[in-house]
C-alpha atoms as a PDB file:
ATOM      1  CA  MET A   1     -15.443 136.232 213.614  1.00  0.00           C
ATOM      2  CA  THR A   2     -14.698 139.458 211.725  1.00  0.00           C
ATOM      3  CA  PRO A   3     -17.805 141.017 210.170  1.00  0.00           C
ATOM      4  CA  ARG A   4     -17.807 141.456 206.411  1.00  0.00           C
ATOM      5  CA  ASP A   5     -19.144 144.816 205.252  1.00  0.00           C
ATOM      6  CA  VAL A   6     -21.730 145.121 202.511  1.00  0.00           C
ATOM      7  CA  SER A   7     -23.042 148.121 200.629  1.00  0.00           C
ATOM      8  CA  GLY A   8     -25.348 148.210 197.648  1.00  0.00           C
ATOM      9  CA  ASP A   9     -25.689 144.963 195.716  1.00  0.00           C
ATOM     10  CA  ASP A  10     -23.986 141.800 196.892  1.00  0.00           C
ATOM     11  CA  SER A  11     -22.894 139.484 194.078  1.00  0.00           C
ATOM     12  CA  ARG A  12     -22.853 136.553 196.520  1.00  0.00           C
ATOM     13  CA  TRP A  13     -26.626 136.357 196.869  1.00  0.00           C
ATOM     14  CA  SER A  14     -28.438 133.927 194.635  1.00  0.00           C
ATOM     15  CA  ASP A  15     -31.893 133.644 196.224  1.00  0.00           C
ATOM     16  CA  LEU A  16     -33.944 136.186 194.270  1.00  0.00           C
ATOM     17  CA  ASP A  17     -36.612 136.169 197.003  1.00  0.00           C
ATOM     18  CA  ARG A  18     -34.007 137.415 199.466  1.00  0.00           C
ATOM     19  CA  PRO A  19     -32.247 140.517 198.144  1.00  0.00           C
ATOM     20  CA  PRO A  20     -29.682 142.242 200.368  1.00  0.00           C
ATOM     21  CA  LEU A  21     -30.539 145.230 202.495  1.00  0.00           C
ATOM     22  CA  ASN A  22     -29.737 148.659 201.080  1.00  0.00           C
ATOM     23  CA  ALA A  23     -27.484 150.188 203.735  1.00  0.00           C
ATOM     24  CA  ALA A  24     -27.277 153.614 202.092  1.00  0.00           C
ATOM     25  CA  ALA A  25     -31.067 153.912 201.805  1.00  0.00           C
ATOM     26  CA  LEU A  26     -31.496 152.826 205.424  1.00  0.00           C
ATOM     27  CA  ARG A  27     -29.088 155.536 206.566  1.00  0.00           C
ATOM     28  CA  ARG A  28     -30.872 158.172 204.473  1.00  0.00           C
ATOM     29  CA  GLY A  29     -34.216 157.184 205.952  1.00  0.00           C
ATOM     30  CA  LEU A  30     -33.221 156.849 209.603  1.00  0.00           C
ATOM     31  CA  VAL A  31     -30.129 158.888 210.495  1.00  0.00           C
ATOM     32  CA  ARG A  32     -31.098 162.513 211.049  1.00  0.00           C
ATOM     33  CA  GLU A  33     -30.019 165.506 213.115  1.00  0.00           C
ATOM     34  CA  GLY A  34     -31.530 165.294 216.584  1.00  0.00           C
ATOM     35  CA  GLY A  35     -32.735 161.716 216.079  1.00  0.00           C
ATOM     36  CA  LEU A  36     -31.748 158.630 218.038  1.00  0.00           C
ATOM     37  CA  TRP A  37     -30.032 156.682 215.268  1.00  0.00           C
ATOM     38  CA  SER A  38     -26.458 157.892 214.835  1.00  0.00           C
ATOM     39  CA  GLY A  39     -25.240 155.334 212.311  1.00  0.00           C
ATOM     40  CA  ILE A  40     -26.321 152.165 210.545  1.00  0.00           C
ATOM     41  CA  GLU A  41     -23.908 149.528 209.334  1.00  0.00           C
ATOM     42  CA  VAL A  42     -24.889 146.393 207.414  1.00  0.00           C
ATOM     43  CA  VAL A  43     -22.451 143.479 207.294  1.00  0.00           C
ATOM     44  CA  THR A  44     -22.734 140.353 205.181  1.00  0.00           C
ATOM     45  CA  SER A  45     -21.947 137.933 207.988  1.00  0.00           C
ATOM     46  CA  THR A  46     -20.760 137.927 211.563  1.00  0.00           C
ATOM     47  CA  GLY A  47     -20.882 135.737 214.625  1.00  0.00           C
ATOM     48  CA  SER A  48     -23.164 137.924 216.728  1.00  0.00           C
ATOM     49  CA  THR A  49     -24.163 141.552 216.272  1.00  0.00           C
ATOM     50  CA  ASN A  50     -24.600 141.852 220.047  1.00  0.00           C
ATOM     51  CA  THR A  51     -21.071 140.623 220.739  1.00  0.00           C
ATOM     52  CA  ASP A  52     -19.632 142.950 218.092  1.00  0.00           C
ATOM     53  CA  LEU A  53     -21.511 146.028 219.303  1.00  0.00           C
ATOM     54  CA  VAL A  54     -20.739 145.387 222.984  1.00  0.00           C
ATOM     55  CA  ALA A  55     -17.046 145.185 222.045  1.00  0.00           C
ATOM     56  CA  ARG A  56     -17.218 148.400 220.034  1.00  0.00           C
ATOM     57  CA  ALA A  57     -18.955 150.206 222.895  1.00  0.00           C
ATOM     58  CA  ALA A  58     -16.298 148.982 225.341  1.00  0.00           C
ATOM     59  CA  ALA A  59     -13.575 150.287 223.032  1.00  0.00           C
ATOM     60  CA  GLY A  60     -15.268 153.666 222.664  1.00  0.00           C
ATOM     61  CA  LYS A  61     -15.930 153.019 218.982  1.00  0.00           C
ATOM     62  CA  ALA A  62     -19.735 153.241 219.087  1.00  0.00           C
ATOM     63  CA  ALA A  63     -22.057 156.054 220.130  1.00  0.00           C
ATOM     64  CA  GLU A  64     -25.636 155.857 221.340  1.00  0.00           C
ATOM     65  CA  GLY A  65     -27.935 155.038 218.458  1.00  0.00           C
ATOM     66  CA  ALA A  66     -25.400 152.882 216.621  1.00  0.00           C
ATOM     67  CA  VAL A  67     -27.174 150.105 214.699  1.00  0.00           C
ATOM     68  CA  LEU A  68     -25.354 147.004 213.489  1.00  0.00           C
ATOM     69  CA  VAL A  69     -27.237 144.734 211.083  1.00  0.00           C
ATOM     70  CA  ALA A  70     -26.055 141.361 209.784  1.00  0.00           C
ATOM     71  CA  GLU A  71     -27.426 139.544 206.754  1.00  0.00           C
ATOM     72  CA  GLU A  72     -26.319 136.350 208.500  1.00  0.00           C
ATOM     73  CA  GLN A  73     -25.360 135.493 212.077  1.00  0.00           C
ATOM     74  CA  THR A  74     -23.303 132.353 212.518  1.00  0.00           C
ATOM     75  CA  THR A  75     -23.311 132.288 216.331  1.00  0.00           C
ATOM     76  CA  GLY A  76     -26.406 134.330 217.122  1.00  0.00           C
ATOM     77  CA  ARG A  77     -27.691 133.858 220.660  1.00  0.00           C
ATOM     78  CA  GLY A  78     -31.066 133.988 222.297  1.00  0.00           C
ATOM     79  CA  ARG A  79     -31.895 133.972 225.966  1.00  0.00           C
ATOM     80  CA  LEU A  80     -30.227 131.350 228.166  1.00  0.00           C
ATOM     81  CA  ASP A  81     -27.427 131.096 225.549  1.00  0.00           C
ATOM     82  CA  ARG A  82     -29.661 129.310 223.059  1.00  0.00           C
ATOM     83  CA  ARG A  83     -28.439 129.349 219.468  1.00  0.00           C
ATOM     84  CA  TRP A  84     -30.291 131.435 216.886  1.00  0.00           C
ATOM     85  CA  THR A  85     -29.649 130.303 213.313  1.00  0.00           C
ATOM     86  CA  ALA A  86     -31.295 131.174 210.003  1.00  0.00           C
ATOM     87  CA  PRO A  87     -30.342 131.245 206.303  1.00  0.00           C
ATOM     88  CA  PRO A  88     -28.656 134.424 205.021  1.00  0.00           C
ATOM     89  CA  ARG A  89     -31.027 137.343 204.297  1.00  0.00           C
ATOM     90  CA  SER A  90     -34.042 135.384 205.608  1.00  0.00           C
ATOM     91  CA  GLY A  91     -34.641 137.742 208.520  1.00  0.00           C
ATOM     92  CA  LEU A  92     -33.684 140.873 210.367  1.00  0.00           C
ATOM     93  CA  PHE A  93     -30.755 140.388 212.738  1.00  0.00           C
ATOM     94  CA  PHE A  94     -29.551 143.597 214.356  1.00  0.00           C
ATOM     95  CA  SER A  95     -28.341 145.233 217.549  1.00  0.00           C
ATOM     96  CA  VAL A  96     -28.619 148.800 218.830  1.00  0.00           C
ATOM     97  CA  LEU A  97     -26.617 150.673 221.467  1.00  0.00           C
ATOM     98  CA  LEU A  98     -28.613 152.686 224.014  1.00  0.00           C
ATOM     99  CA  THR A  99     -27.217 154.839 226.840  1.00  0.00           C
ATOM    100  CA  PRO A 100     -30.196 155.924 228.956  1.00  0.00           C
ATOM    101  CA  GLY A 101     -28.104 157.823 231.499  1.00  0.00           C
ATOM    102  CA  ASP A 102     -31.021 159.970 232.668  1.00  0.00           C
ATOM    103  CA  VAL A 103     -33.045 156.865 233.615  1.00  0.00           C
ATOM    104  CA  PRO A 104     -32.379 155.114 236.948  1.00  0.00           C
ATOM    105  CA  VAL A 105     -30.493 151.859 236.377  1.00  0.00           C
ATOM    106  CA  ALA A 106     -33.207 150.003 238.297  1.00  0.00           C
ATOM    107  CA  ARG A 107     -35.573 150.710 235.379  1.00  0.00           C
ATOM    108  CA  TRP A 108     -33.222 149.542 232.626  1.00  0.00           C
ATOM    109  CA  GLY A 109     -34.765 146.095 232.916  1.00  0.00           C
ATOM    110  CA  TRP A 110     -37.709 147.485 230.954  1.00  0.00           C
ATOM    111  CA  LEU A 111     -35.575 147.902 227.801  1.00  0.00           C
ATOM    112  CA  PRO A 112     -36.140 144.349 226.430  1.00  0.00           C
ATOM    113  CA  LEU A 113     -39.891 144.684 227.053  1.00  0.00           C
ATOM    114  CA  LEU A 114     -39.900 148.156 225.481  1.00  0.00           C
ATOM    115  CA  THR A 115     -38.123 146.723 222.455  1.00  0.00           C
ATOM    116  CA  GLY A 116     -40.721 143.967 222.217  1.00  0.00           C
ATOM    117  CA  VAL A 117     -43.536 146.513 222.179  1.00  0.00           C
ATOM    118  CA  ALA A 118     -41.705 148.570 219.544  1.00  0.00           C
ATOM    119  CA  VAL A 119     -40.991 145.566 217.311  1.00  0.00           C
ATOM    120  CA  ALA A 120     -44.579 144.334 217.520  1.00  0.00           C
ATOM    121  CA  THR A 121     -45.908 147.810 216.746  1.00  0.00           C
ATOM    122  CA  GLY A 122     -43.560 148.350 213.818  1.00  0.00           C
ATOM    123  CA  LEU A 123     -44.275 144.956 212.267  1.00  0.00           C
ATOM    124  CA  SER A 124     -48.013 145.422 212.649  1.00  0.00           C
ATOM    125  CA  ARG A 125     -47.750 148.657 210.655  1.00  0.00           C
ATOM    126  CA  ALA A 126     -45.359 147.460 207.959  1.00  0.00           C
ATOM    127  CA  ALA A 127     -46.113 143.738 207.605  1.00  0.00           C
ATOM    128  CA  GLY A 128     -49.790 143.678 208.486  1.00  0.00           C
ATOM    129  CA  VAL A 129     -49.244 140.724 210.822  1.00  0.00           C
ATOM    130  CA  ASP A 130     -50.888 140.353 214.209  1.00  0.00           C
ATOM    131  CA  THR A 131     -48.125 139.751 216.715  1.00  0.00           C
ATOM    132  CA  ALA A 132     -48.095 138.979 220.421  1.00  0.00           C
ATOM    133  CA  LEU A 133     -45.388 139.026 223.076  1.00  0.00           C
ATOM    134  CA  LYS A 134     -44.429 136.077 225.219  1.00  0.00           C
ATOM    135  CA  TRP A 135     -42.855 137.296 228.458  1.00  0.00           C
ATOM    136  CA  PRO A 136     -40.198 138.467 228.596  1.00  0.00           C
ATOM    137  CA  ASN A 137     -39.033 138.893 225.015  1.00  0.00           C
ATOM    138  CA  ASP A 138     -40.339 136.463 222.403  1.00  0.00           C
ATOM    139  CA  LEU A 139     -42.361 137.614 219.401  1.00  0.00           C
ATOM    140  CA  LEU A 140     -45.253 135.296 218.517  1.00  0.00           C
ATOM    141  CA  VAL A 141     -47.266 135.012 215.303  1.00  0.00           C
ATOM    142  CA  LYS A 142     -50.089 132.712 214.252  1.00  0.00           C
ATOM    143  CA  VAL A 143     -49.315 130.080 211.607  1.00  0.00           C
ATOM    144  CA  GLY A 144     -52.290 127.929 210.715  1.00  0.00           C
ATOM    145  CA  GLY A 145     -54.011 128.996 213.921  1.00  0.00           C
ATOM    146  CA  GLU A 146     -51.046 127.916 216.033  1.00  0.00           C
ATOM    147  CA  GLU A 147     -48.783 130.228 218.036  1.00  0.00           C
ATOM    148  CA  ARG A 148     -45.224 130.214 216.730  1.00  0.00           C
ATOM    149  CA  LYS A 149     -42.088 132.074 217.750  1.00  0.00           C
ATOM    150  CA  ALA A 150     -40.936 134.400 214.975  1.00  0.00           C
ATOM    151  CA  GLY A 151     -38.497 136.553 216.881  1.00  0.00           C
ATOM    152  CA  GLY A 152     -36.581 137.217 220.047  1.00  0.00           C
ATOM    153  CA  ILE A 153     -34.788 139.966 221.943  1.00  0.00           C
ATOM    154  CA  LEU A 154     -31.597 139.862 223.989  1.00  0.00           C
ATOM    155  CA  ALA A 155     -30.292 142.786 226.065  1.00  0.00           C
ATOM    156  CA  GLU A 156     -26.734 142.964 227.438  1.00  0.00           C
ATOM    157  CA  ARG A 157     -24.911 145.601 229.445  1.00  0.00           C
ATOM    158  CA  ALA A 158     -22.218 147.459 227.555  1.00  0.00           C
ATOM    159  CA  GLY A 159     -19.894 149.008 230.074  1.00  0.00           C
ATOM    160  CA  GLU A 160     -21.205 151.182 232.904  1.00  0.00           C
ATOM    161  CA  ASP A 161     -23.552 153.379 230.926  1.00  0.00           C
ATOM    162  CA  GLY A 162     -24.775 151.356 227.963  1.00  0.00           C
ATOM    163  CA  VAL A 163     -27.109 148.560 226.955  1.00  0.00           C
ATOM    164  CA  VAL A 164     -26.949 146.673 223.670  1.00  0.00           C
ATOM    165  CA  VAL A 165     -30.296 145.280 222.596  1.00  0.00           C
ATOM    166  CA  GLY A 166     -30.274 142.583 219.924  1.00  0.00           C
ATOM    167  CA  VAL A 167     -33.288 141.624 217.830  1.00  0.00           C
ATOM    168  CA  GLY A 168     -33.804 138.611 215.585  1.00  0.00           C
ATOM    169  CA  ILE A 169     -36.904 138.299 213.404  1.00  0.00           C
ATOM    170  CA  ASN A 170     -37.670 135.488 210.967  1.00  0.00           C
ATOM    171  CA  VAL A 171     -39.061 137.188 207.868  1.00  0.00           C
ATOM    172  CA  THR A 172     -39.045 134.831 204.855  1.00  0.00           C
ATOM    173  CA  LEU A 173     -38.167 131.564 206.590  1.00  0.00           C
ATOM    174  CA  ARG A 174     -39.935 128.719 204.777  1.00  0.00           C
ATOM    175  CA  LYS A 175     -41.579 125.693 206.379  1.00  0.00           C
ATOM    176  CA  GLU A 176     -38.734 123.367 205.422  1.00  0.00           C
ATOM    177  CA  GLU A 177     -36.190 125.806 206.908  1.00  0.00           C
ATOM    178  CA  LEU A 178     -37.718 126.058 210.384  1.00  0.00           C
ATOM    179  CA  PRO A 179     -35.073 125.131 212.973  1.00  0.00           C
ATOM    180  CA  VAL A 180     -37.612 123.713 215.447  1.00  0.00           C
ATOM    181  CA  PRO A 181     -41.323 122.782 215.205  1.00  0.00           C
ATOM    182  CA  GLY A 182     -42.414 125.786 217.284  1.00  0.00           C
ATOM    183  CA  ALA A 183     -40.726 128.347 215.024  1.00  0.00           C
ATOM    184  CA  GLY A 184     -42.486 130.582 212.533  1.00  0.00           C
ATOM    185  CA  SER A 185     -41.907 133.569 210.290  1.00  0.00           C
ATOM    186  CA  LEU A 186     -43.715 136.633 209.022  1.00  0.00           C
ATOM    187  CA  ALA A 187     -44.124 134.997 205.607  1.00  0.00           C
ATOM    188  CA  LEU A 188     -45.704 131.878 207.086  1.00  0.00           C
ATOM    189  CA  ALA A 189     -48.020 134.116 209.121  1.00  0.00           C
ATOM    190  CA  GLY A 190     -49.326 135.747 205.938  1.00  0.00           C
ATOM    191  CA  ALA A 191     -47.432 139.058 205.995  1.00  0.00           C
ATOM    192  CA  VAL A 192     -48.572 141.528 203.347  1.00  0.00           C
ATOM    193  CA  SER A 193     -44.922 142.527 202.871  1.00  0.00           C
ATOM    194  CA  THR A 194     -41.652 140.710 203.466  1.00  0.00           C
ATOM    195  CA  ASP A 195     -39.451 143.483 202.047  1.00  0.00           C
ATOM    196  CA  ARG A 196     -36.880 143.789 204.820  1.00  0.00           C
ATOM    197  CA  ASP A 197     -35.891 147.409 204.144  1.00  0.00           C
ATOM    198  CA  PRO A 198     -39.271 148.968 205.036  1.00  0.00           C
ATOM    199  CA  LEU A 199     -39.733 146.412 207.826  1.00  0.00           C
ATOM    200  CA  LEU A 200     -36.455 147.440 209.457  1.00  0.00           C
ATOM    201  CA  ARG A 201     -37.225 151.131 209.036  1.00  0.00           C
ATOM    202  CA  ALA A 202     -40.641 150.652 210.661  1.00  0.00           C
ATOM    203  CA  VAL A 203     -39.187 148.725 213.606  1.00  0.00           C
ATOM    204  CA  LEU A 204     -36.388 151.240 214.242  1.00  0.00           C
ATOM    205  CA  ARG A 205     -38.768 154.219 213.994  1.00  0.00           C
ATOM    206  CA  SER A 206     -41.111 152.533 216.453  1.00  0.00           C
ATOM    207  CA  LEU A 207     -38.198 151.787 218.781  1.00  0.00           C
ATOM    208  CA  GLU A 208     -37.107 155.430 218.655  1.00  0.00           C
ATOM    209  CA  GLU A 209     -40.650 156.593 219.488  1.00  0.00           C
ATOM    210  CA  TRP A 210     -40.987 154.279 222.481  1.00  0.00           C
ATOM    211  CA  TYR A 211     -37.460 154.916 223.765  1.00  0.00           C
ATOM    212  CA  ASP A 212     -37.969 158.694 223.621  1.00  0.00           C
ATOM    213  CA  ARG A 213     -41.311 158.384 225.443  1.00  0.00           C
ATOM    214  CA  TRP A 214     -39.773 156.143 228.132  1.00  0.00           C
ATOM    215  CA  ARG A 215     -36.787 158.428 228.660  1.00  0.00           C
ATOM    216  CA  ALA A 216     -39.013 161.503 228.847  1.00  0.00           C
ATOM    217  CA  ALA A 217     -40.819 159.757 231.721  1.00  0.00           C
ATOM    218  CA  ALA A 218     -37.470 158.951 233.420  1.00  0.00           C
ATOM    219  CA  GLY A 219     -38.111 155.297 232.692  1.00  0.00           C
ATOM    220  CA  ASP A 220     -41.424 155.215 234.575  1.00  0.00           C
ATOM    221  CA  PRO A 221     -43.373 152.355 232.928  1.00  0.00           C
ATOM    222  CA  THR A 222     -46.740 153.755 234.038  1.00  0.00           C
ATOM    223  CA  VAL A 223     -46.265 157.377 233.003  1.00  0.00           C
ATOM    224  CA  SER A 224     -44.783 156.370 229.634  1.00  0.00           C
ATOM    225  CA  GLY A 225     -47.651 153.948 228.956  1.00  0.00           C
ATOM    226  CA  LEU A 226     -45.185 151.122 228.498  1.00  0.00           C
ATOM    227  CA  GLN A 227     -46.487 148.833 231.238  1.00  0.00           C
ATOM    228  CA  GLU A 228     -50.090 149.092 230.020  1.00  0.00           C
ATOM    229  CA  THR A 229     -49.173 148.613 226.361  1.00  0.00           C
ATOM    230  CA  TYR A 230     -46.932 145.639 227.084  1.00  0.00           C
ATOM    231  CA  ALA A 231     -49.654 143.960 229.158  1.00  0.00           C
ATOM    232  CA  ALA A 232     -52.225 144.543 226.403  1.00  0.00           C
ATOM    233  CA  GLY A 233     -50.037 142.743 223.861  1.00  0.00           C
ATOM    234  CA  CYS A 234     -48.679 140.007 226.119  1.00  0.00           C
ATOM    235  CA  ALA A 235     -49.909 136.528 225.218  1.00  0.00           C
ATOM    236  CA  THR A 236     -48.585 135.151 228.512  1.00  0.00           C
ATOM    237  CA  LEU A 237     -51.029 137.015 230.738  1.00  0.00           C
ATOM    238  CA  GLY A 238     -54.159 135.096 231.657  1.00  0.00           C
ATOM    239  CA  ARG A 239     -52.491 131.813 230.757  1.00  0.00           C
ATOM    240  CA  ARG A 240     -51.461 128.855 232.872  1.00  0.00           C
ATOM    241  CA  VAL A 241     -47.677 128.754 232.773  1.00  0.00           C
ATOM    242  CA  ARG A 242     -44.670 126.979 234.165  1.00  0.00           C
ATOM    243  CA  ALA A 243     -41.675 129.104 235.074  1.00  0.00           C
ATOM    244  CA  GLU A 244     -38.326 127.314 234.970  1.00  0.00           C
ATOM    245  CA  LEU A 245     -36.348 129.276 237.538  1.00  0.00           C
ATOM    246  CA  PRO A 246     -32.653 129.455 238.442  1.00  0.00           C
ATOM    247  CA  GLY A 247     -31.546 126.730 240.809  1.00  0.00           C
ATOM    248  CA  ASP A 248     -33.593 124.007 239.096  1.00  0.00           C
ATOM    249  CA  ARG A 249     -36.795 125.339 240.636  1.00  0.00           C
ATOM    250  CA  SER A 250     -40.094 125.549 238.797  1.00  0.00           C
ATOM    251  CA  LEU A 251     -43.314 127.402 239.488  1.00  0.00           C
ATOM    252  CA  VAL A 252     -46.737 126.611 238.027  1.00  0.00           C
ATOM    253  CA  GLY A 253     -49.707 128.936 238.085  1.00  0.00           C
ATOM    254  CA  GLU A 254     -51.601 131.636 236.216  1.00  0.00           C
ATOM    255  CA  ALA A 255     -49.714 134.640 234.848  1.00  0.00           C
ATOM    256  CA  VAL A 256     -51.784 137.506 236.229  1.00  0.00           C
ATOM    257  CA  ALA A 257     -49.736 140.685 235.743  1.00  0.00           C
ATOM    258  CA  VAL A 258     -46.503 142.371 234.762  1.00  0.00           C
ATOM    259  CA  ASP A 259     -45.441 144.493 237.732  1.00  0.00           C
ATOM    260  CA  GLY A 260     -43.722 147.873 237.857  1.00  0.00           C
ATOM    261  CA  ASP A 261     -40.303 146.240 237.589  1.00  0.00           C
ATOM    262  CA  GLY A 262     -41.254 144.292 234.460  1.00  0.00           C
ATOM    263  CA  ARG A 263     -41.514 141.011 236.363  1.00  0.00           C
ATOM    264  CA  LEU A 264     -44.149 138.411 235.566  1.00  0.00           C
ATOM    265  CA  VAL A 265     -46.491 137.833 238.499  1.00  0.00           C
ATOM    266  CA  ILE A 266     -47.667 134.219 238.806  1.00  0.00           C
ATOM    267  CA  ALA A 267     -50.576 133.217 241.022  1.00  0.00           C
ATOM    268  CA  THR A 268     -50.034 129.686 242.306  1.00  0.00           C
ATOM    269  CA  GLU A 269     -52.696 127.177 243.271  1.00  0.00           C
ATOM    270  CA  GLU A 270     -51.757 127.865 246.907  1.00  0.00           C
ATOM    271  CA  GLY A 271     -52.997 131.416 246.506  1.00  0.00           C
ATOM    272  CA  VAL A 272     -49.559 133.011 246.524  1.00  0.00           C
ATOM    273  CA  GLN A 273     -48.619 135.666 243.966  1.00  0.00           C
ATOM    274  CA  GLU A 274     -44.926 135.397 243.144  1.00  0.00           C
ATOM    275  CA  PRO A 275     -43.055 137.813 240.849  1.00  0.00           C
ATOM    276  CA  VAL A 276     -40.576 136.218 238.447  1.00  0.00           C
ATOM    277  CA  GLY A 277     -37.737 138.375 237.168  1.00  0.00           C
ATOM    278  CA  ALA A 278     -35.701 135.740 235.345  1.00  0.00           C
ATOM    279  CA  GLY A 279     -36.489 132.320 233.981  1.00  0.00           C
ATOM    280  CA  ASP A 280     -37.925 130.384 231.081  1.00  0.00           C
ATOM    281  CA  ILE A 281     -41.705 130.522 230.696  1.00  0.00           C
ATOM    282  CA  VAL A 282     -43.687 127.653 229.177  1.00  0.00           C
ATOM    283  CA  HIS A 283     -47.276 128.252 228.118  1.00  0.00           C
ATOM    284  CA  LEU A 284     -49.312 125.292 229.344  1.00  0.00           C
ATOM    285  CA  ARG A 285     -52.526 123.975 227.916  1.00  0.00           C
ATOM    286  CA  PRO A 286     -55.610 124.630 230.059  1.00  0.00           C
ATOM    287  CA  ALA A 287     -56.004 122.013 232.777  1.00  0.00           C
END
């Protein structure tokens, strides 16, 4: 699907609680000499910002720090090719292109976790909402005392030297609009602000801070403080979980750590500690 560009006011919007993003103001606030963000484009609608930005990177039409934001994604994807749908202008749906050439490729797996830390930090500052991270890349909020998923992160390689990281955050999604019972939004979690412009600026500034710190440490998760900070905000650690692994295998145990490669370490009832690098994690109720 071809993205439709938007700048300034959009006569198509009719929900007064959901005004369009101001692309020009976002560029003024975020694109600066020597900074990470090289350009910010806001489109009215597209299939997937990740797909679009990966294609642009492959064609040499996007530089590091390119940010593509969509007011609506019609074929947005989460992990494991799950669909991500939401009403227009009800959230933040964007992708960024990163080319961490000075970081060993073996450490690039930390980028989704880094993004999770940055998103949680930025939203805490700008929305006043307590957030937690479900390994590896879900953003959780509390709605009526219950944990709900309000966002997700998806990283994809873009050629030999790039990674596109996509972020989806439910901002003003109402109870009757929730796609599944376990979903939530910043508004339902009692956010002090649901103005998407300052929320996006806060998230992107936080992402720039963490990315710069990580790169300065050559991607070392300990030296950069990333591993410790992720663990401190990870709701999965200390919980009994079930990991649905490739090959129709599952693993049940307590999530005890995130190791130096960003893998979740699960201690089984047999006393074995097994690191999980890919899979779907289910938080289980205490036995």
